Amino acid sequence: MDNYKTQLLTTSNIKTLLKPRDFSANKGDYGHSLLIAGGMGKMGAAVIAARACLRSGTGLLTVCVPKSERSILQTAIPEAMISFREDNTDFSNISAVGIGPGIGLGKGTGKTLKNLLKHFNGAVLLDADALNLLAANHKLFKKLPKVTVITPHPKEFDSLFGSHASEEERRNAAIDLAIKLELVIVLKGHQTLVTTAGCSFLSTAGNAGLAKGGSGDALTGIITALLAQGYESFVAAKIGVYLHGLAADIALVEQSMESMLIDDVIACLGEAFKQTMA
């Protein structure tokens, strides 16, 4: 971090990145997101990621879940299509993939990740259990497409890259590793860091109301939607991180940091978009 200038993510620089919606557009103009998420006892992760993805402008969304859990998603998110992890995934019409929230660490999920990296060459985001699978098999790093987005929290980052004594040390390591591995790293925390190729930003939005389960699942959905709409990986990560935090700040009008739920944050994404595009 000492060798590279780290800038601040603010509303003003996010405004320069967001593309206005074309009034004559149709759903085919805004990409097809695929979320590989959820599992027995963790379908909430899939629902949260899907809801955030749809609220962030993706044209179409398919969620890949275990067949036995399909009714949960079909009931909670009727706007989403479903595919099953037991089947071979068809990536031919997919614009971007987010994988990891709630998928677990079984043999089947490892196979799913390997299959994705083998057969899909588009924009990819890895979070949660996908990062844990990566930590258990470092050979998979070589199979990641360039500028893949990874979104670890501090514990996941240390699992991937070894222990770090402080937040500053972890940020320095993230900046160096993003260069070395040609990744976009979103290091989640009090001030989330977004870094790639020596270019780094710290978000100025967000609050401790996000320090709860489900927050990372929503961020996965937001960034995946932006990737599907054609934003470059680093740009999608910056916009997604800032909107996620800003929506949490907006949610404080009605909630406290103690009472805030991730559904409250997702419900405020519309206002976050409005404020950054005004």
C-alpha atoms as a PDB file:
ATOM      1  CA  MET A   1       0.000   0.000   0.000  1.00  0.00           C
ATOM      2  CA  ASP A   2       2.960   2.296   0.607  1.00  0.00           C
ATOM      3  CA  ASN A   3       3.990   1.934  -3.050  1.00  0.00           C
ATOM      4  CA  TYR A   4       0.602   2.745  -4.540  1.00  0.00           C
ATOM      5  CA  LYS A   5      -1.780   5.606  -3.931  1.00  0.00           C
ATOM      6  CA  THR A   6      -5.091   4.461  -2.490  1.00  0.00           C
ATOM      7  CA  GLN A   7      -8.017   6.693  -3.417  1.00  0.00           C
ATOM      8  CA  LEU A   8     -11.418   7.055  -1.785  1.00  0.00           C
ATOM      9  CA  LEU A   9     -14.654   5.805  -3.303  1.00  0.00           C
ATOM     10  CA  THR A  10     -17.223   8.588  -3.078  1.00  0.00           C
ATOM     11  CA  THR A  11     -20.557   9.423  -4.658  1.00  0.00           C
ATOM     12  CA  SER A  12     -18.865  11.833  -7.065  1.00  0.00           C
ATOM     13  CA  ASN A  13     -16.531   9.280  -8.617  1.00  0.00           C
ATOM     14  CA  ILE A  14     -19.208   6.560  -8.725  1.00  0.00           C
ATOM     15  CA  LYS A  15     -21.413   8.985 -10.693  1.00  0.00           C
ATOM     16  CA  THR A  16     -18.794   9.024 -13.443  1.00  0.00           C
ATOM     17  CA  LEU A  17     -18.904   5.221 -13.730  1.00  0.00           C
ATOM     18  CA  LEU A  18     -22.632   4.453 -13.792  1.00  0.00           C
ATOM     19  CA  LYS A  19     -24.278   4.241 -17.206  1.00  0.00           C
ATOM     20  CA  PRO A  20     -27.831   5.623 -17.503  1.00  0.00           C
ATOM     21  CA  ARG A  21     -30.533   3.101 -18.401  1.00  0.00           C
ATOM     22  CA  ASP A  22     -31.718   3.342 -22.009  1.00  0.00           C
ATOM     23  CA  PHE A  23     -35.468   4.076 -22.035  1.00  0.00           C
ATOM     24  CA  SER A  24     -35.935   1.899 -25.131  1.00  0.00           C
ATOM     25  CA  ALA A  25     -33.978  -1.067 -23.733  1.00  0.00           C
ATOM     26  CA  ASN A  26     -35.256  -4.595 -23.163  1.00  0.00           C
ATOM     27  CA  LYS A  27     -34.151  -7.300 -20.732  1.00  0.00           C
ATOM     28  CA  GLY A  28     -31.729  -8.725 -23.289  1.00  0.00           C
ATOM     29  CA  ASP A  29     -29.696  -5.521 -23.148  1.00  0.00           C
ATOM     30  CA  TYR A  30     -28.716  -5.951 -19.505  1.00  0.00           C
ATOM     31  CA  GLY A  31     -27.198  -9.377 -19.374  1.00  0.00           C
ATOM     32  CA  HIS A  32     -27.983 -12.772 -17.897  1.00  0.00           C
ATOM     33  CA  SER A  33     -26.597 -13.390 -14.421  1.00  0.00           C
ATOM     34  CA  LEU A  34     -26.012 -16.855 -13.013  1.00  0.00           C
ATOM     35  CA  LEU A  35     -25.743 -17.247  -9.250  1.00  0.00           C
ATOM     36  CA  ILE A  36     -24.496 -20.592  -7.940  1.00  0.00           C
ATOM     37  CA  ALA A  37     -25.639 -20.335  -4.354  1.00  0.00           C
ATOM     38  CA  GLY A  38     -27.488 -21.997  -1.528  1.00  0.00           C
ATOM     39  CA  GLY A  39     -27.729 -25.484  -0.113  1.00  0.00           C
ATOM     40  CA  MET A  40     -29.583 -27.405   2.560  1.00  0.00           C
ATOM     41  CA  GLY A  41     -29.994 -25.104   5.549  1.00  0.00           C
ATOM     42  CA  LYS A  42     -28.400 -22.185   3.685  1.00  0.00           C
ATOM     43  CA  MET A  43     -30.952 -21.264   1.056  1.00  0.00           C
ATOM     44  CA  GLY A  44     -31.230 -17.836   2.631  1.00  0.00           C
ATOM     45  CA  ALA A  45     -27.862 -17.026   1.071  1.00  0.00           C
ATOM     46  CA  ALA A  46     -29.249 -17.795  -2.391  1.00  0.00           C
ATOM     47  CA  VAL A  47     -32.410 -15.761  -1.775  1.00  0.00           C
ATOM     48  CA  ILE A  48     -30.443 -12.732  -0.525  1.00  0.00           C
ATOM     49  CA  ALA A  49     -27.939 -12.842  -3.386  1.00  0.00           C
ATOM     50  CA  ALA A  50     -30.733 -13.256  -5.939  1.00  0.00           C
ATOM     51  CA  ARG A  51     -32.818 -10.409  -4.530  1.00  0.00           C
ATOM     52  CA  ALA A  52     -29.810  -8.062  -4.526  1.00  0.00           C
ATOM     53  CA  CYS A  53     -28.869  -9.114  -8.053  1.00  0.00           C
ATOM     54  CA  LEU A  54     -32.337  -8.346  -9.391  1.00  0.00           C
ATOM     55  CA  ARG A  55     -32.414  -5.001  -7.551  1.00  0.00           C
ATOM     56  CA  SER A  56     -29.112  -4.085  -9.234  1.00  0.00           C
ATOM     57  CA  GLY A  57     -30.324  -4.158 -12.816  1.00  0.00           C
ATOM     58  CA  THR A  58     -29.539  -7.541 -14.331  1.00  0.00           C
ATOM     59  CA  GLY A  59     -31.774  -8.287 -17.309  1.00  0.00           C
ATOM     60  CA  LEU A  60     -32.184 -11.960 -16.473  1.00  0.00           C
ATOM     61  CA  LEU A  61     -31.215 -14.106 -13.511  1.00  0.00           C
ATOM     62  CA  THR A  62     -30.810 -17.839 -13.136  1.00  0.00           C
ATOM     63  CA  VAL A  63     -29.984 -19.300  -9.740  1.00  0.00           C
ATOM     64  CA  CYS A  64     -28.330 -22.718  -9.637  1.00  0.00           C
ATOM     65  CA  VAL A  65     -29.446 -24.627  -6.532  1.00  0.00           C
ATOM     66  CA  PRO A  66     -29.810 -28.230  -5.366  1.00  0.00           C
ATOM     67  CA  LYS A  67     -32.975 -29.706  -6.864  1.00  0.00           C
ATOM     68  CA  SER A  68     -34.335 -30.572  -3.417  1.00  0.00           C
ATOM     69  CA  GLU A  69     -34.269 -26.888  -2.408  1.00  0.00           C
ATOM     70  CA  ARG A  70     -35.945 -25.425  -5.481  1.00  0.00           C
ATOM     71  CA  SER A  71     -39.308 -24.593  -3.896  1.00  0.00           C
ATOM     72  CA  ILE A  72     -37.711 -22.100  -1.492  1.00  0.00           C
ATOM     73  CA  LEU A  73     -36.267 -20.019  -4.287  1.00  0.00           C
ATOM     74  CA  GLN A  74     -39.309 -20.267  -6.553  1.00  0.00           C
ATOM     75  CA  THR A  75     -41.506 -19.019  -3.725  1.00  0.00           C
ATOM     76  CA  ALA A  76     -39.204 -16.255  -2.470  1.00  0.00           C
ATOM     77  CA  ILE A  77     -37.926 -14.933  -5.827  1.00  0.00           C
ATOM     78  CA  PRO A  78     -40.502 -15.556  -8.572  1.00  0.00           C
ATOM     79  CA  GLU A  79     -38.560 -13.270 -10.950  1.00  0.00           C
ATOM     80  CA  ALA A  80     -35.591 -15.673 -11.016  1.00  0.00           C
ATOM     81  CA  MET A  81     -35.197 -18.759 -13.165  1.00  0.00           C
ATOM     82  CA  ILE A  82     -33.715 -21.916 -11.684  1.00  0.00           C
ATOM     83  CA  SER A  83     -31.194 -24.501 -12.775  1.00  0.00           C
ATOM     84  CA  PHE A  84     -30.103 -27.523 -10.787  1.00  0.00           C
ATOM     85  CA  ARG A  85     -26.620 -28.358  -9.584  1.00  0.00           C
ATOM     86  CA  GLU A  86     -27.209 -32.020 -10.304  1.00  0.00           C
ATOM     87  CA  ASP A  87     -27.447 -31.198 -14.027  1.00  0.00           C
ATOM     88  CA  ASN A  88     -24.806 -30.020 -16.486  1.00  0.00           C
ATOM     89  CA  THR A  89     -24.883 -26.230 -16.538  1.00  0.00           C
ATOM     90  CA  ASP A  90     -25.341 -24.545 -19.904  1.00  0.00           C
ATOM     91  CA  PHE A  91     -23.219 -21.396 -19.900  1.00  0.00           C
ATOM     92  CA  SER A  92     -23.921 -20.423 -23.507  1.00  0.00           C
ATOM     93  CA  ASN A  93     -26.308 -17.567 -22.681  1.00  0.00           C
ATOM     94  CA  ILE A  94     -24.714 -16.466 -19.412  1.00  0.00           C
ATOM     95  CA  SER A  95     -23.049 -13.053 -19.129  1.00  0.00           C
ATOM     96  CA  ALA A  96     -21.563 -13.295 -15.606  1.00  0.00           C
ATOM     97  CA  VAL A  97     -21.387 -15.826 -12.776  1.00  0.00           C
ATOM     98  CA  GLY A  98     -21.290 -15.323  -9.013  1.00  0.00           C
ATOM     99  CA  ILE A  99     -20.501 -18.476  -7.038  1.00  0.00           C
ATOM    100  CA  GLY A 100     -20.151 -19.328  -3.376  1.00  0.00           C
ATOM    101  CA  PRO A 101     -22.832 -18.066  -0.969  1.00  0.00           C
ATOM    102  CA  GLY A 102     -24.122 -21.006   1.047  1.00  0.00           C
ATOM    103  CA  ILE A 103     -22.960 -23.742  -1.340  1.00  0.00           C
ATOM    104  CA  GLY A 104     -21.036 -25.737   1.267  1.00  0.00           C
ATOM    105  CA  LEU A 105     -17.771 -27.633   0.912  1.00  0.00           C
ATOM    106  CA  GLY A 106     -18.839 -31.081  -0.253  1.00  0.00           C
ATOM    107  CA  LYS A 107     -17.365 -32.974  -3.202  1.00  0.00           C
ATOM    108  CA  GLY A 108     -20.226 -31.874  -5.394  1.00  0.00           C
ATOM    109  CA  THR A 109     -19.521 -28.186  -4.861  1.00  0.00           C
ATOM    110  CA  GLY A 110     -15.844 -28.649  -5.652  1.00  0.00           C
ATOM    111  CA  LYS A 111     -16.863 -30.288  -8.918  1.00  0.00           C
ATOM    112  CA  THR A 112     -19.242 -27.412  -9.647  1.00  0.00           C
ATOM    113  CA  LEU A 113     -16.476 -24.838  -9.219  1.00  0.00           C
ATOM    114  CA  LYS A 114     -14.054 -26.787 -11.406  1.00  0.00           C
ATOM    115  CA  ASN A 115     -16.727 -27.189 -14.073  1.00  0.00           C
ATOM    116  CA  LEU A 116     -17.397 -23.444 -14.047  1.00  0.00           C
ATOM    117  CA  LEU A 117     -13.722 -22.572 -14.427  1.00  0.00           C
ATOM    118  CA  LYS A 118     -13.341 -25.126 -17.231  1.00  0.00           C
ATOM    119  CA  HIS A 119     -16.356 -24.170 -19.330  1.00  0.00           C
ATOM    120  CA  PHE A 120     -17.055 -20.476 -18.698  1.00  0.00           C
ATOM    121  CA  ASN A 121     -14.794 -17.713 -19.980  1.00  0.00           C
ATOM    122  CA  GLY A 122     -16.846 -14.682 -18.988  1.00  0.00           C
ATOM    123  CA  ALA A 123     -16.857 -12.515 -15.874  1.00  0.00           C
ATOM    124  CA  VAL A 124     -16.666 -14.489 -12.625  1.00  0.00           C
ATOM    125  CA  LEU A 125     -17.009 -13.568  -8.948  1.00  0.00           C
ATOM    126  CA  LEU A 126     -15.980 -15.938  -6.137  1.00  0.00           C
ATOM    127  CA  ASP A 127     -17.261 -15.496  -2.593  1.00  0.00           C
ATOM    128  CA  ALA A 128     -17.797 -17.425   0.620  1.00  0.00           C
ATOM    129  CA  ASP A 129     -17.548 -21.214   0.174  1.00  0.00           C
ATOM    130  CA  ALA A 130     -16.054 -20.804  -3.310  1.00  0.00           C
ATOM    131  CA  LEU A 131     -13.151 -19.020  -1.593  1.00  0.00           C
ATOM    132  CA  ASN A 132     -12.908 -21.804   0.970  1.00  0.00           C
ATOM    133  CA  LEU A 133     -12.689 -24.331  -1.872  1.00  0.00           C
ATOM    134  CA  LEU A 134      -9.983 -22.189  -3.465  1.00  0.00           C
ATOM    135  CA  ALA A 135      -8.077 -22.064  -0.171  1.00  0.00           C
ATOM    136  CA  ALA A 136      -8.165 -25.855  -0.005  1.00  0.00           C
ATOM    137  CA  ASN A 137      -6.882 -26.241  -3.580  1.00  0.00           C
ATOM    138  CA  HIS A 138      -4.471 -23.457  -4.598  1.00  0.00           C
ATOM    139  CA  LYS A 139      -3.995 -25.069  -8.019  1.00  0.00           C
ATOM    140  CA  LEU A 140      -7.367 -23.569  -8.929  1.00  0.00           C
ATOM    141  CA  PHE A 141      -5.826 -20.083  -8.880  1.00  0.00           C
ATOM    142  CA  LYS A 142      -4.206 -20.883 -12.226  1.00  0.00           C
ATOM    143  CA  LYS A 143      -7.622 -21.657 -13.714  1.00  0.00           C
ATOM    144  CA  LEU A 144      -9.233 -18.351 -12.730  1.00  0.00           C
ATOM    145  CA  PRO A 145      -9.954 -16.041 -15.667  1.00  0.00           C
ATOM    146  CA  LYS A 146      -7.964 -12.800 -15.575  1.00  0.00           C
ATOM    147  CA  VAL A 147      -9.551 -10.086 -13.425  1.00  0.00           C
ATOM    148  CA  THR A 148     -11.811 -12.548 -11.674  1.00  0.00           C
ATOM    149  CA  VAL A 149     -13.384 -10.798  -8.682  1.00  0.00           C
ATOM    150  CA  ILE A 150     -12.855 -12.360  -5.251  1.00  0.00           C
ATOM    151  CA  THR A 151     -14.631 -10.915  -2.209  1.00  0.00           C
ATOM    152  CA  PRO A 152     -13.060 -12.256   1.011  1.00  0.00           C
ATOM    153  CA  HIS A 153     -13.680 -10.988   4.504  1.00  0.00           C
ATOM    154  CA  PRO A 154     -10.526 -10.928   6.716  1.00  0.00           C
ATOM    155  CA  LYS A 155     -10.837 -14.532   7.905  1.00  0.00           C
ATOM    156  CA  GLU A 156     -11.327 -15.811   4.352  1.00  0.00           C
ATOM    157  CA  PHE A 157      -8.430 -13.676   3.128  1.00  0.00           C
ATOM    158  CA  ASP A 158      -6.110 -15.194   5.739  1.00  0.00           C
ATOM    159  CA  SER A 159      -7.339 -18.678   4.881  1.00  0.00           C
ATOM    160  CA  LEU A 160      -6.413 -18.010   1.252  1.00  0.00           C
ATOM    161  CA  PHE A 161      -3.132 -16.203   1.731  1.00  0.00           C
ATOM    162  CA  GLY A 162      -1.851 -16.809   5.275  1.00  0.00           C
ATOM    163  CA  SER A 163      -2.238 -14.943   8.562  1.00  0.00           C
ATOM    164  CA  HIS A 164      -1.808 -11.181   8.809  1.00  0.00           C
ATOM    165  CA  ALA A 165      -1.197  -9.251  11.998  1.00  0.00           C
ATOM    166  CA  SER A 166      -3.261  -6.161  11.197  1.00  0.00           C
ATOM    167  CA  GLU A 167      -5.775  -4.635   8.801  1.00  0.00           C
ATOM    168  CA  GLU A 168      -3.023  -2.511   7.261  1.00  0.00           C
ATOM    169  CA  GLU A 169      -0.851  -5.574   6.639  1.00  0.00           C
ATOM    170  CA  ARG A 170      -3.783  -7.382   5.074  1.00  0.00           C
ATOM    171  CA  ARG A 171      -4.542  -4.439   2.780  1.00  0.00           C
ATOM    172  CA  ASN A 172      -0.905  -4.216   1.680  1.00  0.00           C
ATOM    173  CA  ALA A 173      -0.941  -7.929   0.908  1.00  0.00           C
ATOM    174  CA  ALA A 174      -4.224  -7.619  -1.038  1.00  0.00           C
ATOM    175  CA  ILE A 175      -2.751  -4.880  -3.242  1.00  0.00           C
ATOM    176  CA  ASP A 176       0.355  -6.941  -3.985  1.00  0.00           C
ATOM    177  CA  LEU A 177      -1.587 -10.162  -4.567  1.00  0.00           C
ATOM    178  CA  ALA A 178      -4.085  -8.506  -6.911  1.00  0.00           C
ATOM    179  CA  ILE A 179      -1.127  -7.513  -9.092  1.00  0.00           C
ATOM    180  CA  LYS A 180       0.605 -10.881  -8.879  1.00  0.00           C
ATOM    181  CA  LEU A 181      -2.498 -12.996  -9.490  1.00  0.00           C
ATOM    182  CA  GLU A 182      -4.207 -10.574 -11.922  1.00  0.00           C
ATOM    183  CA  LEU A 183      -7.357 -10.467  -9.825  1.00  0.00           C
ATOM    184  CA  VAL A 184      -9.774  -7.861  -8.557  1.00  0.00           C
ATOM    185  CA  ILE A 185      -9.728  -8.260  -4.775  1.00  0.00           C
ATOM    186  CA  VAL A 186     -12.552  -6.857  -2.672  1.00  0.00           C
ATOM    187  CA  LEU A 187     -11.280  -7.056   0.903  1.00  0.00           C
ATOM    188  CA  LYS A 188     -14.386  -6.526   2.982  1.00  0.00           C
ATOM    189  CA  GLY A 189     -14.179  -4.624   6.247  1.00  0.00           C
ATOM    190  CA  HIS A 190     -14.810  -1.341   8.038  1.00  0.00           C
ATOM    191  CA  GLN A 191     -13.559   0.446   4.924  1.00  0.00           C
ATOM    192  CA  THR A 192     -13.755  -2.118   2.138  1.00  0.00           C
ATOM    193  CA  LEU A 193     -10.736  -2.118  -0.173  1.00  0.00           C
ATOM    194  CA  VAL A 194     -11.137  -2.687  -3.919  1.00  0.00           C
ATOM    195  CA  THR A 195      -7.831  -3.267  -5.692  1.00  0.00           C
ATOM    196  CA  THR A 196      -6.369  -4.483  -8.979  1.00  0.00           C
ATOM    197  CA  ALA A 197      -3.162  -3.879 -10.945  1.00  0.00           C
ATOM    198  CA  GLY A 198      -1.843  -1.407  -8.377  1.00  0.00           C
ATOM    199  CA  CYS A 199      -4.999   0.741  -8.458  1.00  0.00           C
ATOM    200  CA  SER A 200      -6.845   0.779  -5.134  1.00  0.00           C
ATOM    201  CA  PHE A 201      -9.900   2.398  -3.574  1.00  0.00           C
ATOM    202  CA  LEU A 202     -11.304   2.473  -0.039  1.00  0.00           C
ATOM    203  CA  SER A 203     -15.061   2.882   0.271  1.00  0.00           C
ATOM    204  CA  THR A 204     -16.385   5.808   2.290  1.00  0.00           C
ATOM    205  CA  ALA A 205     -19.897   4.334   2.497  1.00  0.00           C
ATOM    206  CA  GLY A 206     -21.306   1.769   4.904  1.00  0.00           C
ATOM    207  CA  ASN A 207     -21.735   1.244   8.625  1.00  0.00           C
ATOM    208  CA  ALA A 208     -21.654  -1.453  11.293  1.00  0.00           C
ATOM    209  CA  GLY A 209     -25.227  -2.453  10.485  1.00  0.00           C
ATOM    210  CA  LEU A 210     -23.613  -4.533   7.727  1.00  0.00           C
ATOM    211  CA  ALA A 211     -21.710  -6.576  10.316  1.00  0.00           C
ATOM    212  CA  LYS A 212     -24.251  -9.390  10.082  1.00  0.00           C
ATOM    213  CA  GLY A 213     -24.811 -12.582   8.145  1.00  0.00           C
ATOM    214  CA  GLY A 214     -26.122 -12.045   4.638  1.00  0.00           C
ATOM    215  CA  SER A 215     -24.274  -8.813   3.868  1.00  0.00           C
ATOM    216  CA  GLY A 216     -21.661 -10.539   1.745  1.00  0.00           C
ATOM    217  CA  ASP A 217     -24.326 -12.529  -0.100  1.00  0.00           C
ATOM    218  CA  ALA A 218     -26.015  -9.281  -1.113  1.00  0.00           C
ATOM    219  CA  LEU A 219     -22.710  -7.806  -2.306  1.00  0.00           C
ATOM    220  CA  THR A 220     -22.161 -10.900  -4.468  1.00  0.00           C
ATOM    221  CA  GLY A 221     -25.549 -10.371  -6.091  1.00  0.00           C
ATOM    222  CA  ILE A 222     -24.957  -6.659  -6.688  1.00  0.00           C
ATOM    223  CA  ILE A 223     -21.537  -7.048  -8.307  1.00  0.00           C
ATOM    224  CA  THR A 224     -22.656 -10.042 -10.393  1.00  0.00           C
ATOM    225  CA  ALA A 225     -25.543  -7.969 -11.784  1.00  0.00           C
ATOM    226  CA  LEU A 226     -23.152  -5.176 -12.742  1.00  0.00           C
ATOM    227  CA  LEU A 227     -20.776  -7.638 -14.402  1.00  0.00           C
ATOM    228  CA  ALA A 228     -23.667  -9.066 -16.402  1.00  0.00           C
ATOM    229  CA  GLN A 229     -24.539  -5.564 -17.615  1.00  0.00           C
ATOM    230  CA  GLY A 230     -21.104  -5.240 -19.158  1.00  0.00           C
ATOM    231  CA  TYR A 231     -19.195  -3.241 -16.581  1.00  0.00           C
ATOM    232  CA  GLU A 232     -15.519  -4.193 -16.413  1.00  0.00           C
ATOM    233  CA  SER A 233     -14.622  -6.208 -13.324  1.00  0.00           C
ATOM    234  CA  PHE A 234     -12.844  -3.438 -11.422  1.00  0.00           C
ATOM    235  CA  VAL A 235     -15.559  -0.913 -12.243  1.00  0.00           C
ATOM    236  CA  ALA A 236     -18.327  -3.354 -11.240  1.00  0.00           C
ATOM    237  CA  ALA A 237     -16.560  -4.049  -7.946  1.00  0.00           C
ATOM    238  CA  LYS A 238     -16.161  -0.353  -7.138  1.00  0.00           C
ATOM    239  CA  ILE A 239     -19.770   0.490  -7.982  1.00  0.00           C
ATOM    240  CA  GLY A 240     -21.092  -2.562  -6.152  1.00  0.00           C
ATOM    241  CA  VAL A 241     -19.123  -1.943  -2.978  1.00  0.00           C
ATOM    242  CA  TYR A 242     -20.167   1.693  -2.842  1.00  0.00           C
ATOM    243  CA  LEU A 243     -23.875   1.082  -3.568  1.00  0.00           C
ATOM    244  CA  HIS A 244     -23.939  -1.690  -0.953  1.00  0.00           C
ATOM    245  CA  GLY A 245     -22.511   0.657   1.669  1.00  0.00           C
ATOM    246  CA  LEU A 246     -24.614   3.638   0.627  1.00  0.00           C
ATOM    247  CA  ALA A 247     -27.811   1.563   0.777  1.00  0.00           C
ATOM    248  CA  ALA A 248     -26.852   0.590   4.336  1.00  0.00           C
ATOM    249  CA  ASP A 249     -26.367   4.265   5.221  1.00  0.00           C
ATOM    250  CA  ILE A 250     -29.777   5.099   3.732  1.00  0.00           C
ATOM    251  CA  ALA A 251     -31.339   2.250   5.731  1.00  0.00           C
ATOM    252  CA  LEU A 252     -30.258   4.005   8.939  1.00  0.00           C
ATOM    253  CA  VAL A 253     -33.038   6.550   8.385  1.00  0.00           C
ATOM    254  CA  GLU A 254     -35.541   3.889   9.440  1.00  0.00           C
ATOM    255  CA  GLN A 255     -33.309   1.413  11.281  1.00  0.00           C
ATOM    256  CA  SER A 256     -30.488   1.381  13.812  1.00  0.00           C
ATOM    257  CA  MET A 257     -27.217  -0.429  13.219  1.00  0.00           C
ATOM    258  CA  GLU A 258     -28.447  -3.024  15.719  1.00  0.00           C
ATOM    259  CA  SER A 259     -31.815  -3.608  14.044  1.00  0.00           C
ATOM    260  CA  MET A 260     -30.758  -3.379  10.404  1.00  0.00           C
ATOM    261  CA  LEU A 261     -31.304  -6.513   8.291  1.00  0.00           C
ATOM    262  CA  ILE A 262     -29.812  -7.133   4.874  1.00  0.00           C
ATOM    263  CA  ASP A 263     -33.347  -7.019   3.442  1.00  0.00           C
ATOM    264  CA  ASP A 264     -33.522  -3.403   4.680  1.00  0.00           C
ATOM    265  CA  VAL A 265     -30.310  -2.674   2.771  1.00  0.00           C
ATOM    266  CA  ILE A 266     -31.539  -4.325  -0.431  1.00  0.00           C
ATOM    267  CA  ALA A 267     -34.776  -2.335  -0.182  1.00  0.00           C
ATOM    268  CA  CYS A 268     -32.666   0.858  -0.178  1.00  0.00           C
ATOM    269  CA  LEU A 269     -30.659   0.011  -3.305  1.00  0.00           C
ATOM    270  CA  GLY A 270     -33.104   1.970  -5.458  1.00  0.00           C
ATOM    271  CA  GLU A 271     -32.455   5.162  -3.497  1.00  0.00           C
ATOM    272  CA  ALA A 272     -28.710   4.458  -3.582  1.00  0.00           C
ATOM    273  CA  PHE A 273     -28.843   4.269  -7.383  1.00  0.00           C
ATOM    274  CA  LYS A 274     -30.864   7.496  -7.497  1.00  0.00           C
ATOM    275  CA  GLN A 275     -28.387   9.362  -5.314  1.00  0.00           C
ATOM    276  CA  THR A 276     -25.374   8.261  -7.343  1.00  0.00           C
ATOM    277  CA  MET A 277     -27.007   9.036 -10.688  1.00  0.00           C
ATOM    278  CA  ALA A 278     -28.600  12.376  -9.763  1.00  0.00           C
END
